[in-house]
Amino acid sequence: MPSHPPHLPEHGAVLAEVRKVRRAGVVRLRELDVPELGRIARGLSAGGAAGGPADAGAAGAGGAVERLLRAAVSRIGGGSLQTAAEYSLGLAQGTRDWPAADRRRRAAQVYGVSVERFRKHHELMVLGQIAEQLVGLAGSGGADSTDALPLAVAAVHRTHRTVRTRGPATVRVHVHSVDLLRDVDVIVSPTNTYFALPATYKSSVSATLRRAGAELDPTGGLVADHIHDELRGWAARHGTPGRAVLPGTVAPTSSGALAAQGVRRIYHVAVAQPRPGTNDYDVQPADVTRGVARAFALLAEESARFDPPLRSVCLPLLGAGRGGLTPLESFGAVWPAVEAELARGRERGTDWEVHFVVRAHARADLVERLLTHDLAHDHAQDGGTP
């Protein structure tokens, strides 16, 4: 067993260096003077013994320190706190070279607060938690070796997975909140048959997209509720305000403020039928399949109206929240429509780019397994209904 380090770093000193990394981002780690982080990285890489990698020192903190930071953030345990930590340091996919102001703004969006409020309140908590995990790693005495961390982090905490399906298609699976998507043309959002969006403080996909698409003032106050207002306008134009539409109906809106992230459209798919006199919903897998098929039909219809044309679409596991479907049942309803559309697209020369988004790594594991193995066999093994 590795020995316990005789001298643990002080939390305040580690926090000061984490704040340096926040300002510079991991892309500039080698330029930073971060001796405490270097010592922790060397100690863990050497299993508690002296003489770790030379490039982990204060003069050239690089790969080993970045692995250390990723390991510390991965220990936070997921959720908004971990996501905000990844954005704050530039550890999230595609953010290594983002300016500090952009990373802070995205971290603030995770909590749905203004940048100024995040800077004064949430950021210190986020960075403090990173520092606490770093001190905890130092106290492990090498039990968590940074030599083994990159593989563990990549396998369990990666936020994107590119999966080649049983056919020729390649699907990207995102493991984070839906409002963190970037450069995806269309997001499919499950909603109820009244097209009534939930309040912005809720945690569902539709509530998260409503919140992310809204325009806020510098204090976090609502200026324009873009997605909500456009969806109400669609219902009014189609004569459905206050009454239910048929399950599987699709209503398109803009993405509101999400346009700044490269998201151009939201397709609201009515799959949840409210159960009278309760707060519960019923979702039928056949309605999910029908809704996804109609979403692709709308994508084909709208694509050429945009410059450049719409070509990428991201789907959550529709109905797997309050709708009551298991993730396995939801995927079993979504994928047949996706697979059929991909086949039709190949025939007519349309190259759709398909993404899935889930928040839990266990669900990402399931989606990856279902994409690469026999679906009917997996349903039988897990007791699901095809």
Protein backbone atom coordinates (compact mmCIF):
# COMPACT_ATOMS: atom_id res chain seq x y z
CA MET A 1 0.00 0.00 0.00
CA PRO A 2 1.29 3.51 -0.78
CA SER A 3 2.28 5.58 2.21
CA HIS A 4 0.25 8.56 3.36
CA PRO A 5 1.89 11.85 2.40
CA PRO A 6 3.52 13.45 5.42
CA HIS A 7 2.53 17.00 4.42
CA LEU A 8 -0.83 17.75 2.85
CA PRO A 9 -1.10 20.96 0.82
CA GLU A 10 -3.14 23.76 2.34
CA HIS A 11 -6.55 24.27 0.81
CA GLY A 12 -5.98 28.02 0.41
CA ALA A 13 -2.74 27.55 -1.52
CA VAL A 14 -4.31 24.98 -3.82
CA LEU A 15 -7.35 27.21 -4.36
CA ALA A 16 -5.10 30.12 -5.36
CA GLU A 17 -3.48 27.96 -8.04
CA VAL A 18 -6.85 26.65 -9.26
CA ARG A 19 -7.90 30.29 -9.71
CA LYS A 20 -4.79 30.85 -11.83
CA VAL A 21 -5.80 27.95 -14.05
CA ARG A 22 -9.34 29.34 -14.32
CA ARG A 23 -7.99 32.64 -15.64
CA ALA A 24 -5.52 31.04 -18.06
CA GLY A 25 -7.27 27.79 -19.00
CA VAL A 26 -5.57 24.41 -19.30
CA VAL A 27 -4.20 25.33 -22.73
CA ARG A 28 -1.68 27.60 -20.98
CA LEU A 29 -0.79 25.29 -18.10
CA ARG A 30 2.88 25.11 -19.05
CA GLU A 31 3.18 28.89 -18.65
CA LEU A 32 1.78 28.92 -15.11
CA ASP A 33 3.61 28.83 -11.82
CA VAL A 34 1.56 26.19 -9.95
CA PRO A 35 4.01 24.45 -7.61
CA GLU A 36 1.37 22.88 -5.34
CA LEU A 37 -0.44 21.27 -8.27
CA GLY A 38 2.90 20.08 -9.62
CA ARG A 39 3.82 18.50 -6.27
CA ILE A 40 0.47 16.71 -6.00
CA ALA A 41 0.79 15.42 -9.58
CA ARG A 42 4.35 14.19 -8.98
CA GLY A 43 3.40 12.53 -5.72
CA LEU A 44 0.49 10.63 -7.23
CA SER A 45 2.37 9.67 -10.38
CA ALA A 46 5.15 8.25 -8.25
CA GLY A 47 2.76 6.47 -5.92
CA GLY A 48 3.80 8.71 -3.05
CA ALA A 49 7.51 8.43 -3.73
CA ALA A 50 9.82 11.23 -4.77
CA GLY A 51 10.92 11.77 -8.31
CA GLY A 52 7.78 12.12 -10.45
CA PRO A 53 7.73 13.24 -14.06
CA ALA A 54 9.89 16.25 -14.73
CA ASP A 55 7.24 18.03 -16.77
CA ALA A 56 4.89 18.19 -13.79
CA GLY A 57 7.06 20.76 -12.01
CA ALA A 58 6.24 24.41 -11.44
CA ALA A 59 8.34 25.56 -14.40
CA GLY A 60 6.54 23.37 -16.90
CA ALA A 61 3.22 22.16 -15.49
CA GLY A 62 1.57 20.31 -18.36
CA GLY A 63 0.11 16.91 -19.02
CA ALA A 64 0.39 15.46 -15.52
CA VAL A 65 -1.22 18.55 -13.95
CA GLU A 66 -4.04 18.54 -16.49
CA ARG A 67 -4.68 14.86 -15.72
CA LEU A 68 -4.70 15.73 -12.05
CA LEU A 69 -7.26 18.50 -12.59
CA ARG A 70 -9.47 16.22 -14.67
CA ALA A 71 -9.30 13.58 -11.96
CA ALA A 72 -10.22 16.11 -9.26
CA VAL A 73 -13.18 17.42 -11.26
CA SER A 74 -14.37 13.88 -12.01
CA ARG A 75 -14.52 13.20 -8.24
CA ILE A 76 -17.11 15.95 -7.76
CA GLY A 77 -19.80 13.47 -8.72
CA GLY A 78 -21.58 14.93 -11.73
CA GLY A 79 -24.45 17.39 -11.92
CA SER A 80 -24.30 21.16 -12.36
CA LEU A 81 -21.32 21.51 -10.04
CA GLN A 82 -19.10 19.22 -12.11
CA THR A 83 -20.29 20.69 -15.41
CA ALA A 84 -19.58 24.23 -14.20
CA ALA A 85 -16.15 23.12 -12.99
CA GLU A 86 -15.31 21.65 -16.40
CA TYR A 87 -16.29 24.87 -18.15
CA SER A 88 -14.51 27.06 -15.61
CA LEU A 89 -11.13 25.44 -16.22
CA GLY A 90 -11.53 24.71 -19.93
CA LEU A 91 -11.80 20.94 -19.40
CA ALA A 92 -15.11 20.56 -21.24
CA GLN A 93 -14.92 19.30 -24.80
CA GLY A 94 -13.88 22.07 -27.20
CA THR A 95 -13.21 24.73 -24.55
CA ARG A 96 -9.45 24.45 -24.04
CA ASP A 97 -8.73 27.66 -25.94
CA TRP A 98 -11.80 29.64 -24.85
CA PRO A 99 -11.12 33.01 -23.19
CA ALA A 100 -11.76 33.13 -19.46
CA ALA A 101 -14.79 35.39 -19.95
CA ASP A 102 -16.44 32.90 -22.31
CA ARG A 103 -15.80 30.00 -19.95
CA ARG A 104 -17.25 31.96 -17.04
CA ARG A 105 -20.33 32.86 -19.07
CA ARG A 106 -20.98 29.20 -19.96
CA ALA A 107 -20.47 28.14 -16.34
CA ALA A 108 -22.99 30.81 -15.28
CA GLN A 109 -25.49 29.41 -17.79
CA VAL A 110 -25.22 26.01 -16.14
CA TYR A 111 -26.77 27.57 -13.02
CA GLY A 112 -29.07 29.88 -14.96
CA VAL A 113 -27.68 33.03 -13.33
CA SER A 114 -26.02 36.20 -14.59
CA VAL A 115 -22.26 36.26 -15.08
CA GLU A 116 -21.86 38.77 -12.27
CA ARG A 117 -23.87 36.71 -9.81
CA PHE A 118 -21.93 33.60 -10.76
CA ARG A 119 -18.61 35.41 -10.28
CA LYS A 120 -19.58 36.65 -6.81
CA HIS A 121 -21.32 33.57 -5.47
CA HIS A 122 -21.19 30.32 -7.44
CA GLU A 123 -17.65 30.48 -8.81
CA LEU A 124 -15.94 30.47 -5.43
CA MET A 125 -17.97 27.40 -4.46
CA VAL A 126 -17.06 25.62 -7.71
CA LEU A 127 -13.35 26.39 -7.48
CA GLY A 128 -13.36 25.58 -3.78
CA GLN A 129 -14.76 22.14 -4.50
CA ILE A 130 -12.06 21.52 -7.09
CA ALA A 131 -9.42 22.50 -4.55
CA GLU A 132 -11.00 20.23 -1.94
CA GLN A 133 -10.86 17.27 -4.32
CA LEU A 134 -7.23 18.06 -5.13
CA VAL A 135 -6.33 18.03 -1.44
CA GLY A 136 -8.25 14.76 -1.14
CA LEU A 137 -6.22 13.26 -3.97
CA ALA A 138 -3.02 14.35 -2.28
CA GLY A 139 -4.24 12.68 0.89
CA SER A 140 -4.82 9.41 -0.94
CA GLY A 141 -1.05 8.87 -0.89
CA GLY A 142 -0.98 7.62 -4.47
CA ALA A 143 -4.03 5.38 -4.22
CA ASP A 144 -5.36 7.29 -7.24
CA SER A 145 -2.38 7.29 -9.57
CA THR A 146 -2.46 9.88 -12.34
CA ASP A 147 -0.88 7.27 -14.63
CA ALA A 148 -4.19 5.39 -14.51
CA LEU A 149 -6.45 8.42 -14.45
CA PRO A 150 -6.62 9.34 -18.14
CA LEU A 151 -8.17 6.01 -19.07
CA ALA A 152 -10.57 6.05 -16.15
CA VAL A 153 -11.69 9.59 -16.83
CA ALA A 154 -12.05 8.91 -20.56
CA ALA A 155 -14.15 5.83 -19.93
CA VAL A 156 -16.43 7.19 -17.23
CA HIS A 157 -16.47 10.97 -17.40
CA ARG A 158 -16.05 11.82 -21.09
CA THR A 159 -18.75 14.17 -22.29
CA HIS A 160 -18.85 12.96 -25.92
CA ARG A 161 -18.78 9.51 -27.45
CA THR A 162 -18.64 8.80 -31.16
CA VAL A 163 -20.32 5.47 -31.82
CA ARG A 164 -20.33 3.54 -35.10
CA THR A 165 -23.64 1.71 -35.31
CA ARG A 166 -24.32 -1.77 -36.64
CA GLY A 167 -24.96 -0.10 -40.01
CA PRO A 168 -22.75 2.49 -41.72
CA ALA A 169 -24.04 5.38 -39.59
CA THR A 170 -21.98 7.14 -36.93
CA VAL A 171 -23.81 8.66 -33.96
CA ARG A 172 -22.44 11.07 -31.38
CA VAL A 173 -23.63 10.65 -27.78
CA HIS A 174 -23.38 13.72 -25.53
CA VAL A 175 -23.26 13.14 -21.78
CA HIS A 176 -24.32 16.46 -20.27
CA SER A 177 -27.26 18.82 -19.93
CA VAL A 178 -29.06 19.59 -23.19
CA ASP A 179 -28.39 23.33 -22.89
CA LEU A 180 -24.64 22.72 -23.24
CA LEU A 181 -24.98 21.48 -26.82
CA ARG A 182 -23.09 23.48 -29.42
CA ASP A 183 -23.21 23.52 -33.24
CA VAL A 184 -26.16 21.15 -33.57
CA ASP A 185 -28.74 22.47 -36.03
CA VAL A 186 -31.87 20.98 -34.48
CA ILE A 187 -32.68 19.76 -30.96
CA VAL A 188 -35.75 17.55 -30.54
CA SER A 189 -37.60 18.42 -27.33
CA PRO A 190 -40.31 16.19 -25.81
CA THR A 191 -43.37 18.01 -24.53
CA ASN A 192 -46.99 17.38 -23.63
CA THR A 193 -49.88 17.29 -26.06
CA TYR A 194 -50.96 20.82 -25.03
CA PHE A 195 -47.56 22.25 -26.01
CA ALA A 196 -47.47 23.80 -22.52
CA LEU A 197 -43.83 24.28 -21.54
CA PRO A 198 -42.90 23.72 -17.88
CA ALA A 199 -41.58 26.53 -15.70
CA THR A 200 -37.96 27.48 -16.29
CA TYR A 201 -36.88 26.27 -12.83
CA LYS A 202 -37.84 22.69 -13.66
CA SER A 203 -35.20 20.11 -14.67
CA SER A 204 -36.79 18.51 -17.75
CA VAL A 205 -35.36 18.81 -21.26
CA SER A 206 -38.12 21.19 -22.35
CA ALA A 207 -37.74 23.39 -19.26
CA THR A 208 -33.97 23.50 -19.69
CA LEU A 209 -34.27 24.52 -23.34
CA ARG A 210 -36.86 27.18 -22.49
CA ARG A 211 -34.50 28.60 -19.86
CA ALA A 212 -31.45 28.48 -22.12
CA GLY A 213 -33.32 30.06 -25.03
CA ALA A 214 -34.58 33.02 -23.00
CA GLU A 215 -32.95 36.43 -23.11
CA LEU A 216 -31.84 37.75 -19.72
CA ASP A 217 -30.66 41.13 -18.51
CA PRO A 218 -27.32 41.53 -16.66
CA THR A 219 -29.00 40.74 -13.32
CA GLY A 220 -30.61 37.54 -14.59
CA GLY A 221 -34.05 39.07 -15.08
CA LEU A 222 -36.20 37.80 -17.95
CA VAL A 223 -36.25 40.05 -21.02
CA ALA A 224 -37.76 37.72 -23.63
CA ASP A 225 -39.10 34.15 -23.30
CA HIS A 226 -38.40 33.34 -26.95
CA ILE A 227 -39.14 29.61 -27.17
CA HIS A 228 -42.24 29.76 -24.97
CA ASP A 229 -43.70 32.69 -26.91
CA GLU A 230 -43.00 31.17 -30.32
CA LEU A 231 -44.57 27.86 -29.32
CA ARG A 232 -47.70 29.67 -28.15
CA GLY A 233 -47.75 31.52 -31.45
CA TRP A 234 -47.54 28.23 -33.37
CA ALA A 235 -50.46 26.83 -31.36
CA ALA A 236 -52.54 29.95 -32.04
CA ARG A 237 -51.85 29.83 -35.78
CA HIS A 238 -52.86 26.18 -35.94
CA GLY A 239 -56.00 26.60 -33.86
CA THR A 240 -54.83 24.52 -30.91
CA PRO A 241 -54.39 26.94 -27.96
CA GLY A 242 -55.82 25.36 -24.82
CA ARG A 243 -56.59 22.00 -26.40
CA ALA A 244 -54.56 18.85 -26.95
CA VAL A 245 -53.03 17.91 -30.28
CA LEU A 246 -52.61 14.36 -31.49
CA PRO A 247 -49.60 12.59 -29.94
CA GLY A 248 -46.65 12.69 -32.30
CA THR A 249 -47.40 16.23 -33.55
CA VAL A 250 -44.25 18.34 -34.09
CA ALA A 251 -44.07 22.13 -33.69
CA PRO A 252 -40.90 23.99 -34.75
CA THR A 253 -39.54 27.14 -33.13
CA SER A 254 -36.29 29.03 -33.23
CA SER A 255 -33.69 28.28 -30.58
CA GLY A 256 -33.81 31.76 -29.04
CA ALA A 257 -30.60 32.65 -27.24
CA LEU A 258 -29.18 29.19 -28.03
CA ALA A 259 -28.47 30.50 -31.52
CA ALA A 260 -25.26 31.93 -30.05
CA GLN A 261 -24.15 28.30 -29.50
CA GLY A 262 -24.86 27.25 -33.07
CA VAL A 263 -28.27 25.70 -32.31
CA ARG A 264 -30.75 26.86 -34.95
CA ARG A 265 -34.09 25.11 -34.37
CA ILE A 266 -36.08 23.37 -31.65
CA TYR A 267 -38.57 20.70 -32.73
CA HIS A 268 -41.15 20.21 -29.98
CA VAL A 269 -42.61 16.69 -30.18
CA ALA A 270 -45.90 16.12 -28.34
CA VAL A 271 -45.53 12.70 -26.73
CA ALA A 272 -46.73 13.11 -23.12
CA GLN A 273 -50.50 12.90 -22.55
CA PRO A 274 -51.49 14.46 -19.19
CA ARG A 275 -53.48 12.11 -16.98
CA PRO A 276 -56.64 14.01 -15.87
CA GLY A 277 -56.73 15.02 -12.23
CA THR A 278 -53.07 14.16 -11.61
CA ASN A 279 -49.58 15.54 -12.22
CA ASP A 280 -48.67 12.41 -14.18
CA TYR A 281 -48.30 11.67 -17.88
CA ASP A 282 -48.76 8.70 -20.17
CA VAL A 283 -46.33 8.12 -23.04
CA GLN A 284 -46.85 5.42 -25.64
CA PRO A 285 -43.74 4.13 -27.47
CA ALA A 286 -45.64 4.20 -30.78
CA ASP A 287 -46.24 7.95 -30.33
CA VAL A 288 -42.51 8.47 -29.72
CA THR A 289 -41.64 6.63 -32.92
CA ARG A 290 -44.26 8.59 -34.87
CA GLY A 291 -43.06 11.90 -33.43
CA VAL A 292 -39.40 11.23 -34.26
CA ALA A 293 -40.35 10.23 -37.81
CA ARG A 294 -42.29 13.49 -38.19
CA ALA A 295 -39.37 15.46 -36.79
CA PHE A 296 -37.14 14.04 -39.53
CA ALA A 297 -39.80 14.79 -42.15
CA LEU A 298 -39.87 18.40 -40.93
CA LEU A 299 -36.07 18.50 -40.98
CA ALA A 300 -36.09 17.40 -44.63
CA GLU A 301 -38.72 20.02 -45.43
CA GLU A 302 -36.96 22.90 -43.67
CA SER A 303 -33.34 22.05 -44.40
CA ALA A 304 -32.92 23.88 -47.71
CA ARG A 305 -34.54 27.06 -46.33
CA PHE A 306 -31.48 27.70 -44.21
CA ASP A 307 -27.98 28.73 -45.23
CA PRO A 308 -26.14 26.49 -44.67
CA PRO A 309 -28.84 23.80 -44.84
CA LEU A 310 -29.91 22.05 -41.66
CA ARG A 311 -28.22 18.66 -41.40
CA SER A 312 -27.60 17.74 -37.75
CA VAL A 313 -30.23 16.72 -35.20
CA CYS A 314 -29.94 15.78 -31.51
CA LEU A 315 -32.45 13.64 -29.64
CA PRO A 316 -32.88 12.94 -25.93
CA LEU A 317 -34.50 9.72 -24.74
CA LEU A 318 -38.05 10.94 -25.28
CA GLY A 319 -40.52 9.88 -22.60
CA ALA A 320 -37.85 8.51 -20.27
CA GLY A 321 -38.36 11.25 -17.66
CA ARG A 322 -41.77 11.87 -16.14
CA GLY A 323 -43.29 10.09 -19.13
CA GLY A 324 -42.58 6.80 -17.39
CA LEU A 325 -40.73 4.93 -20.14
CA THR A 326 -37.53 3.19 -19.17
CA PRO A 327 -34.42 4.35 -21.08
CA LEU A 328 -34.47 1.00 -22.87
CA GLU A 329 -38.11 1.45 -23.93
CA SER A 330 -37.46 5.02 -25.06
CA PHE A 331 -34.46 4.08 -27.18
CA GLY A 332 -36.41 1.15 -28.61
CA ALA A 333 -39.06 3.65 -29.74
CA VAL A 334 -36.69 6.37 -30.99
CA TRP A 335 -34.13 4.33 -32.90
CA PRO A 336 -36.40 2.59 -35.46
CA ALA A 337 -37.51 6.01 -36.75
CA VAL A 338 -33.92 7.27 -36.82
CA GLU A 339 -32.62 4.14 -38.54
CA ALA A 340 -35.38 4.24 -41.17
CA GLU A 341 -34.68 7.90 -41.92
CA LEU A 342 -30.94 7.30 -42.21
CA ALA A 343 -31.64 4.55 -44.74
CA ARG A 344 -33.96 6.82 -46.74
CA GLY A 345 -31.41 9.60 -46.54
CA ARG A 346 -28.71 7.40 -48.05
CA GLU A 347 -31.02 6.52 -50.92
CA ARG A 348 -31.67 10.17 -51.79
CA GLY A 349 -28.18 11.41 -50.97
CA THR A 350 -29.08 13.19 -47.74
CA ASP A 351 -26.39 12.89 -45.09
CA TRP A 352 -28.06 13.54 -41.73
CA GLU A 353 -25.81 13.87 -38.68
CA VAL A 354 -27.45 12.23 -35.65
CA HIS A 355 -26.70 12.98 -31.99
CA PHE A 356 -28.15 11.73 -28.70
CA VAL A 357 -27.95 13.66 -25.43
CA VAL A 358 -28.25 12.13 -21.95
CA ARG A 359 -27.23 13.42 -18.53
CA ALA A 360 -26.19 10.17 -16.85
CA HIS A 361 -23.20 8.07 -17.84
CA ALA A 362 -25.18 4.91 -17.15
CA ARG A 363 -27.66 5.96 -19.83
CA ALA A 364 -24.83 6.81 -22.21
CA ASP A 365 -23.42 3.32 -21.64
CA LEU A 366 -26.82 1.84 -22.47
CA VAL A 367 -27.22 3.92 -25.64
CA GLU A 368 -23.71 3.01 -26.77
CA ARG A 369 -24.38 -0.67 -26.16
CA LEU A 370 -27.69 -0.57 -28.01
CA LEU A 371 -26.17 1.24 -30.97
CA THR A 372 -23.43 -1.32 -31.38
CA HIS A 373 -25.22 -4.59 -30.51
CA ASP A 374 -28.36 -6.41 -31.47
CA LEU A 375 -31.30 -4.40 -30.12
CA ALA A 376 -33.71 -7.32 -29.86
CA HIS A 377 -31.14 -9.32 -27.90
CA ASP A 378 -30.56 -6.41 -25.50
CA HIS A 379 -34.30 -6.01 -24.94
CA ALA A 380 -34.57 -9.68 -24.04
CA GLN A 381 -31.55 -9.54 -21.74
CA ASP A 382 -32.84 -6.45 -19.88
CA GLY A 383 -36.47 -7.44 -19.73
CA GLY A 384 -37.61 -4.55 -21.91
CA THR A 385 -40.36 -4.42 -24.46
CA PRO A 386 -39.25 -4.01 -28.09
